[in-house]
Amino acid sequence: MTDNIRGEHQRRGRIEVICGSMFSGKTEELIRRMKRAKFAKQKVEIFKPSIDIRYSDEDVVSHDHNSITSTPIDSSASILLLSSDIDVVGIDEAQFLDQHLPEVCNELANRGVRVIVAGLDMDYKGVPFGPIPSLCAIADDVTKVHAICVRCGALAYVSHRLVDNDKRVLLGETGEYEPLCRECYQEENRKLQNVKNKNN
């Protein structure tokens, strides 16, 4: 056990990205790593976009209802202001933050802070989402986690939106989104296109 704790203390000044579709366990993995750092007696702080109030105004909560106390923020610049004297910084739902987040994470890592970022790598259309692609490029470690396709049981590729709404940012849960593999997602898009063609 002491080797594990020592290992946590030695892994400083790095960026770790946890990405994937909805329901893939991103937040669960972020919470696990943050709690492990706290167990190793490190000073930790976790942030989330203030717009994410699905389960709690302040806590980061996974779909499995595991939670950890967090600080809601409106911009990535706030992270620098609020994380002095911190060993490990966690950031959840990072796709909703601004494009300066990679710079902020780099600055923290260069100061010797371990930065753990979780977020969607693609939106519901399969398009790279927010600052996540840039973070993946500069990260020391990228973990891609997968949900299971609800149609066929394969590894999910994207979060398919179930409601008729074109807004890119639409907070939701199982009523608004479902994880689909690439094949089932393409099949769903073909069906939707056929319906549109019939209606035109």
C-alpha atoms as a PDB file:
ATOM      1  CA  MET A   1       0.000   0.000   0.000  1.00  0.00           C
ATOM      2  CA  THR A   2       2.815   2.444   0.797  1.00  0.00           C
ATOM      3  CA  ASP A   3       4.205   1.976  -2.727  1.00  0.00           C
ATOM      4  CA  ASN A   4       0.855   3.036  -4.179  1.00  0.00           C
ATOM      5  CA  ILE A   5       0.729   6.145  -2.003  1.00  0.00           C
ATOM      6  CA  ARG A   6       4.333   7.003  -2.849  1.00  0.00           C
ATOM      7  CA  GLY A   7       3.477   6.593  -6.533  1.00  0.00           C
ATOM      8  CA  GLU A   8       0.636   9.100  -6.205  1.00  0.00           C
ATOM      9  CA  HIS A   9       3.024  11.655  -4.700  1.00  0.00           C
ATOM     10  CA  GLN A  10       5.601  11.171  -7.456  1.00  0.00           C
ATOM     11  CA  ARG A  11       3.139  11.624 -10.354  1.00  0.00           C
ATOM     12  CA  ARG A  12       3.260  15.423 -10.416  1.00  0.00           C
ATOM     13  CA  GLY A  13       3.145  17.995 -13.186  1.00  0.00           C
ATOM     14  CA  ARG A  14       1.051  16.126 -15.738  1.00  0.00           C
ATOM     15  CA  ILE A  15      -2.228  16.280 -17.653  1.00  0.00           C
ATOM     16  CA  GLU A  16      -4.527  13.247 -17.737  1.00  0.00           C
ATOM     17  CA  VAL A  17      -7.621  13.244 -19.979  1.00  0.00           C
ATOM     18  CA  ILE A  18     -10.538  10.850 -19.541  1.00  0.00           C
ATOM     19  CA  CYS A  19     -12.828  11.056 -22.584  1.00  0.00           C
ATOM     20  CA  GLY A  20     -15.595   9.137 -24.318  1.00  0.00           C
ATOM     21  CA  SER A  21     -19.341   9.183 -24.909  1.00  0.00           C
ATOM     22  CA  MET A  22     -22.043   9.702 -22.322  1.00  0.00           C
ATOM     23  CA  PHE A  23     -22.611   6.819 -19.880  1.00  0.00           C
ATOM     24  CA  SER A  24     -19.046   5.567 -20.392  1.00  0.00           C
ATOM     25  CA  GLY A  25     -17.866   6.160 -16.814  1.00  0.00           C
ATOM     26  CA  LYS A  26     -15.783   9.332 -17.344  1.00  0.00           C
ATOM     27  CA  THR A  27     -16.975  11.066 -14.183  1.00  0.00           C
ATOM     28  CA  GLU A  28     -16.795   7.805 -12.237  1.00  0.00           C
ATOM     29  CA  GLU A  29     -13.120   7.443 -13.194  1.00  0.00           C
ATOM     30  CA  LEU A  30     -12.404  11.095 -12.375  1.00  0.00           C
ATOM     31  CA  ILE A  31     -13.968  10.684  -8.921  1.00  0.00           C
ATOM     32  CA  ARG A  32     -11.976   7.483  -8.361  1.00  0.00           C
ATOM     33  CA  ARG A  33      -8.662   9.186  -9.177  1.00  0.00           C
ATOM     34  CA  MET A  34      -9.485  12.245  -7.066  1.00  0.00           C
ATOM     35  CA  LYS A  35     -10.493  10.156  -4.043  1.00  0.00           C
ATOM     36  CA  ARG A  36      -7.306   8.134  -4.387  1.00  0.00           C
ATOM     37  CA  ALA A  37      -5.258  11.350  -4.375  1.00  0.00           C
ATOM     38  CA  LYS A  38      -7.105  12.514  -1.234  1.00  0.00           C
ATOM     39  CA  PHE A  39      -6.337   9.155   0.393  1.00  0.00           C
ATOM     40  CA  ALA A  40      -2.665   9.815  -0.428  1.00  0.00           C
ATOM     41  CA  LYS A  41      -2.942  13.008   1.689  1.00  0.00           C
ATOM     42  CA  GLN A  42      -2.712  15.310  -1.319  1.00  0.00           C
ATOM     43  CA  LYS A  43      -4.460  18.663  -1.559  1.00  0.00           C
ATOM     44  CA  VAL A  44      -7.136  18.305  -4.225  1.00  0.00           C
ATOM     45  CA  GLU A  45      -9.669  20.622  -5.815  1.00  0.00           C
ATOM     46  CA  ILE A  46     -12.276  19.666  -8.383  1.00  0.00           C
ATOM     47  CA  PHE A  47     -14.070  22.058 -10.728  1.00  0.00           C
ATOM     48  CA  LYS A  48     -17.095  21.807 -12.998  1.00  0.00           C
ATOM     49  CA  PRO A  49     -18.900  24.231 -15.343  1.00  0.00           C
ATOM     50  CA  SER A  50     -21.557  26.167 -13.441  1.00  0.00           C
ATOM     51  CA  ILE A  51     -24.131  25.321 -16.150  1.00  0.00           C
ATOM     52  CA  ASP A  52     -24.033  21.634 -15.147  1.00  0.00           C
ATOM     53  CA  ILE A  53     -26.694  21.405 -12.447  1.00  0.00           C
ATOM     54  CA  ARG A  54     -28.261  18.075 -13.513  1.00  0.00           C
ATOM     55  CA  TYR A  55     -27.704  16.250 -10.213  1.00  0.00           C
ATOM     56  CA  SER A  56     -26.329  18.976  -7.950  1.00  0.00           C
ATOM     57  CA  ASP A  57     -25.523  22.688  -8.075  1.00  0.00           C
ATOM     58  CA  GLU A  58     -22.092  22.117  -6.570  1.00  0.00           C
ATOM     59  CA  ASP A  59     -21.098  18.458  -6.363  1.00  0.00           C
ATOM     60  CA  VAL A  60     -19.718  16.446  -9.273  1.00  0.00           C
ATOM     61  CA  VAL A  61     -22.084  13.465  -9.515  1.00  0.00           C
ATOM     62  CA  SER A  62     -21.746  10.454 -11.804  1.00  0.00           C
ATOM     63  CA  HIS A  63     -24.723   8.744 -13.472  1.00  0.00           C
ATOM     64  CA  ASP A  64     -24.265   6.037 -10.806  1.00  0.00           C
ATOM     65  CA  HIS A  65     -24.736   8.767  -8.172  1.00  0.00           C
ATOM     66  CA  ASN A  66     -21.209   8.689  -6.752  1.00  0.00           C
ATOM     67  CA  SER A  67     -20.234  12.231  -5.851  1.00  0.00           C
ATOM     68  CA  ILE A  68     -17.421  14.510  -4.754  1.00  0.00           C
ATOM     69  CA  THR A  69     -17.529  18.139  -3.640  1.00  0.00           C
ATOM     70  CA  SER A  70     -16.610  20.580  -6.394  1.00  0.00           C
ATOM     71  CA  THR A  71     -16.373  24.277  -7.199  1.00  0.00           C
ATOM     72  CA  PRO A  72     -18.639  25.500 -10.048  1.00  0.00           C
ATOM     73  CA  ILE A  73     -16.889  27.916 -12.430  1.00  0.00           C
ATOM     74  CA  ASP A  74     -17.882  30.069 -15.413  1.00  0.00           C
ATOM     75  CA  SER A  75     -14.478  30.220 -17.120  1.00  0.00           C
ATOM     76  CA  SER A  76     -11.254  28.243 -17.190  1.00  0.00           C
ATOM     77  CA  ALA A  77      -9.327  31.291 -15.901  1.00  0.00           C
ATOM     78  CA  SER A  78     -11.060  30.791 -12.537  1.00  0.00           C
ATOM     79  CA  ILE A  79      -9.206  27.495 -12.120  1.00  0.00           C
ATOM     80  CA  LEU A  80      -5.863  29.305 -11.935  1.00  0.00           C
ATOM     81  CA  LEU A  81      -7.213  31.742  -9.346  1.00  0.00           C
ATOM     82  CA  LEU A  82      -8.715  29.020  -7.162  1.00  0.00           C
ATOM     83  CA  SER A  83      -6.028  26.342  -7.267  1.00  0.00           C
ATOM     84  CA  SER A  84      -3.020  27.861  -5.554  1.00  0.00           C
ATOM     85  CA  ASP A  85      -1.279  25.430  -3.195  1.00  0.00           C
ATOM     86  CA  ILE A  86      -3.144  22.442  -4.722  1.00  0.00           C
ATOM     87  CA  ASP A  87      -1.482  19.144  -5.683  1.00  0.00           C
ATOM     88  CA  VAL A  88      -4.215  17.679  -7.880  1.00  0.00           C
ATOM     89  CA  VAL A  89      -6.843  19.545  -9.910  1.00  0.00           C
ATOM     90  CA  GLY A  90      -9.859  17.706 -11.325  1.00  0.00           C
ATOM     91  CA  ILE A  91     -12.109  19.148 -14.033  1.00  0.00           C
ATOM     92  CA  ASP A  92     -15.399  17.486 -14.991  1.00  0.00           C
ATOM     93  CA  GLU A  93     -17.566  18.116 -18.100  1.00  0.00           C
ATOM     94  CA  ALA A  94     -14.632  20.025 -19.599  1.00  0.00           C
ATOM     95  CA  GLN A  95     -16.270  20.147 -23.057  1.00  0.00           C
ATOM     96  CA  PHE A  96     -18.491  22.951 -21.729  1.00  0.00           C
ATOM     97  CA  LEU A  97     -15.544  25.168 -20.775  1.00  0.00           C
ATOM     98  CA  ASP A  98     -13.853  27.719 -23.036  1.00  0.00           C
ATOM     99  CA  GLN A  99     -10.993  27.232 -25.483  1.00  0.00           C
ATOM    100  CA  HIS A 100      -8.440  28.609 -22.994  1.00  0.00           C
ATOM    101  CA  LEU A 101      -8.686  25.453 -20.890  1.00  0.00           C
ATOM    102  CA  PRO A 102      -5.663  23.738 -22.546  1.00  0.00           C
ATOM    103  CA  GLU A 103      -3.488  26.779 -21.714  1.00  0.00           C
ATOM    104  CA  VAL A 104      -4.734  26.716 -18.122  1.00  0.00           C
ATOM    105  CA  CYS A 105      -4.030  23.001 -17.795  1.00  0.00           C
ATOM    106  CA  ASN A 106      -0.556  23.435 -19.298  1.00  0.00           C
ATOM    107  CA  GLU A 107       0.244  26.234 -16.871  1.00  0.00           C
ATOM    108  CA  LEU A 108      -0.873  24.124 -13.921  1.00  0.00           C
ATOM    109  CA  ALA A 109       1.095  21.086 -15.098  1.00  0.00           C
ATOM    110  CA  ASN A 110       4.188  23.248 -15.603  1.00  0.00           C
ATOM    111  CA  ARG A 111       3.802  24.395 -11.990  1.00  0.00           C
ATOM    112  CA  GLY A 112       3.948  20.770 -10.894  1.00  0.00           C
ATOM    113  CA  VAL A 113       0.195  20.181 -10.522  1.00  0.00           C
ATOM    114  CA  ARG A 114      -1.420  16.921 -11.603  1.00  0.00           C
ATOM    115  CA  VAL A 115      -4.444  17.849 -13.735  1.00  0.00           C
ATOM    116  CA  ILE A 116      -7.187  15.288 -14.392  1.00  0.00           C
ATOM    117  CA  VAL A 117      -9.772  16.301 -16.996  1.00  0.00           C
ATOM    118  CA  ALA A 118     -12.958  14.428 -17.908  1.00  0.00           C
ATOM    119  CA  GLY A 119     -15.256  15.268 -20.800  1.00  0.00           C
ATOM    120  CA  LEU A 120     -17.069  14.295 -23.969  1.00  0.00           C
ATOM    121  CA  ASP A 121     -14.690  14.091 -26.909  1.00  0.00           C
ATOM    122  CA  MET A 122     -17.554  14.406 -29.456  1.00  0.00           C
ATOM    123  CA  ASP A 123     -20.972  16.033 -29.537  1.00  0.00           C
ATOM    124  CA  TYR A 124     -24.189  14.272 -30.566  1.00  0.00           C
ATOM    125  CA  LYS A 125     -23.288  14.694 -34.250  1.00  0.00           C
ATOM    126  CA  GLY A 126     -19.912  12.990 -33.814  1.00  0.00           C
ATOM    127  CA  VAL A 127     -18.020  16.304 -34.105  1.00  0.00           C
ATOM    128  CA  PRO A 128     -15.004  16.936 -31.788  1.00  0.00           C
ATOM    129  CA  PHE A 129     -16.305  18.894 -28.812  1.00  0.00           C
ATOM    130  CA  GLY A 130     -14.936  22.067 -27.226  1.00  0.00           C
ATOM    131  CA  PRO A 131     -11.384  22.059 -25.807  1.00  0.00           C
ATOM    132  CA  ILE A 132     -11.193  18.255 -25.411  1.00  0.00           C
ATOM    133  CA  PRO A 133      -9.369  17.517 -28.730  1.00  0.00           C
ATOM    134  CA  SER A 134      -6.671  20.099 -27.899  1.00  0.00           C
ATOM    135  CA  LEU A 135      -6.356  18.694 -24.381  1.00  0.00           C
ATOM    136  CA  CYS A 136      -5.898  15.184 -25.786  1.00  0.00           C
ATOM    137  CA  ALA A 137      -3.064  16.514 -27.950  1.00  0.00           C
ATOM    138  CA  ILE A 138      -1.102  18.006 -25.026  1.00  0.00           C
ATOM    139  CA  ALA A 139      -1.987  15.396 -22.401  1.00  0.00           C
ATOM    140  CA  ASP A 140       0.620  13.113 -20.853  1.00  0.00           C
ATOM    141  CA  ASP A 141      -2.003  10.378 -20.713  1.00  0.00           C
ATOM    142  CA  VAL A 142      -5.362   9.898 -22.473  1.00  0.00           C
ATOM    143  CA  THR A 143      -7.887   7.285 -21.336  1.00  0.00           C
ATOM    144  CA  LYS A 144     -10.742   6.661 -23.774  1.00  0.00           C
ATOM    145  CA  VAL A 145     -13.611   4.966 -21.974  1.00  0.00           C
ATOM    146  CA  HIS A 146     -16.601   3.365 -23.682  1.00  0.00           C
ATOM    147  CA  ALA A 147     -20.254   2.921 -22.920  1.00  0.00           C
ATOM    148  CA  ILE A 148     -22.107  -0.067 -24.378  1.00  0.00           C
ATOM    149  CA  CYS A 149     -24.329   0.450 -27.416  1.00  0.00           C
ATOM    150  CA  VAL A 150     -27.935   0.071 -26.278  1.00  0.00           C
ATOM    151  CA  ARG A 151     -28.954  -1.379 -29.649  1.00  0.00           C
ATOM    152  CA  CYS A 152     -26.421  -4.163 -30.211  1.00  0.00           C
ATOM    153  CA  GLY A 153     -24.100  -4.388 -27.187  1.00  0.00           C
ATOM    154  CA  ALA A 154     -20.913  -3.329 -29.021  1.00  0.00           C
ATOM    155  CA  LEU A 155     -18.626  -0.595 -27.676  1.00  0.00           C
ATOM    156  CA  ALA A 156     -20.368   2.756 -28.044  1.00  0.00           C
ATOM    157  CA  TYR A 157     -18.935   5.404 -30.330  1.00  0.00           C
ATOM    158  CA  VAL A 158     -21.141   8.453 -29.809  1.00  0.00           C
ATOM    159  CA  SER A 159     -23.930   9.918 -27.656  1.00  0.00           C
ATOM    160  CA  HIS A 160     -27.039   9.822 -29.853  1.00  0.00           C
ATOM    161  CA  ARG A 161     -29.581  12.533 -29.063  1.00  0.00           C
ATOM    162  CA  LEU A 162     -33.142  11.254 -28.665  1.00  0.00           C
ATOM    163  CA  VAL A 163     -34.923  14.608 -28.546  1.00  0.00           C
ATOM    164  CA  ASP A 164     -35.528  17.014 -31.434  1.00  0.00           C
ATOM    165  CA  ASN A 165     -33.197  19.854 -30.518  1.00  0.00           C
ATOM    166  CA  ASP A 166     -30.352  21.301 -32.617  1.00  0.00           C
ATOM    167  CA  LYS A 167     -28.578  23.163 -29.803  1.00  0.00           C
ATOM    168  CA  ARG A 168     -25.030  21.871 -29.453  1.00  0.00           C
ATOM    169  CA  VAL A 169     -25.105  22.171 -25.660  1.00  0.00           C
ATOM    170  CA  LEU A 170     -28.082  20.326 -24.243  1.00  0.00           C
ATOM    171  CA  LEU A 171     -27.617  18.893 -20.781  1.00  0.00           C
ATOM    172  CA  GLY A 172     -29.278  15.543 -20.500  1.00  0.00           C
ATOM    173  CA  GLU A 173     -29.470  12.034 -19.160  1.00  0.00           C
ATOM    174  CA  THR A 174     -30.982   8.747 -20.380  1.00  0.00           C
ATOM    175  CA  GLY A 175     -34.174  10.489 -21.541  1.00  0.00           C
ATOM    176  CA  GLU A 176     -32.249  12.744 -23.924  1.00  0.00           C
ATOM    177  CA  TYR A 177     -29.294  10.590 -25.018  1.00  0.00           C
ATOM    178  CA  GLU A 178     -28.333   6.985 -25.655  1.00  0.00           C
ATOM    179  CA  PRO A 179     -24.900   5.499 -26.402  1.00  0.00           C
ATOM    180  CA  LEU A 180     -24.618   3.948 -29.879  1.00  0.00           C
ATOM    181  CA  CYS A 181     -21.815   2.152 -31.715  1.00  0.00           C
ATOM    182  CA  ARG A 182     -20.685   3.564 -35.059  1.00  0.00           C
ATOM    183  CA  GLU A 183     -22.816   1.121 -37.096  1.00  0.00           C
ATOM    184  CA  CYS A 184     -26.030   1.669 -35.143  1.00  0.00           C
ATOM    185  CA  TYR A 185     -25.442   5.431 -35.171  1.00  0.00           C
ATOM    186  CA  GLN A 186     -25.100   5.418 -38.969  1.00  0.00           C
ATOM    187  CA  GLU A 187     -28.222   3.272 -39.276  1.00  0.00           C
ATOM    188  CA  GLU A 188     -30.141   5.728 -37.074  1.00  0.00           C
ATOM    189  CA  ASN A 189     -28.958   8.663 -39.205  1.00  0.00           C
ATOM    190  CA  ARG A 190     -30.098   6.855 -42.375  1.00  0.00           C
ATOM    191  CA  LYS A 191     -33.554   6.341 -40.863  1.00  0.00           C
ATOM    192  CA  LEU A 192     -33.807  10.007 -39.877  1.00  0.00           C
ATOM    193  CA  GLN A 193     -32.707  11.102 -43.354  1.00  0.00           C
ATOM    194  CA  ASN A 194     -35.332   8.843 -44.960  1.00  0.00           C
ATOM    195  CA  VAL A 195     -38.030  10.363 -42.767  1.00  0.00           C
ATOM    196  CA  LYS A 196     -36.899  13.893 -43.713  1.00  0.00           C
ATOM    197  CA  ASN A 197     -36.862  12.996 -47.409  1.00  0.00           C
ATOM    198  CA  LYS A 198     -40.432  11.626 -47.200  1.00  0.00           C
ATOM    199  CA  ASN A 199     -41.642  14.754 -45.446  1.00  0.00           C
ATOM    200  CA  ASN A 200     -40.096  17.088 -48.075  1.00  0.00           C
END
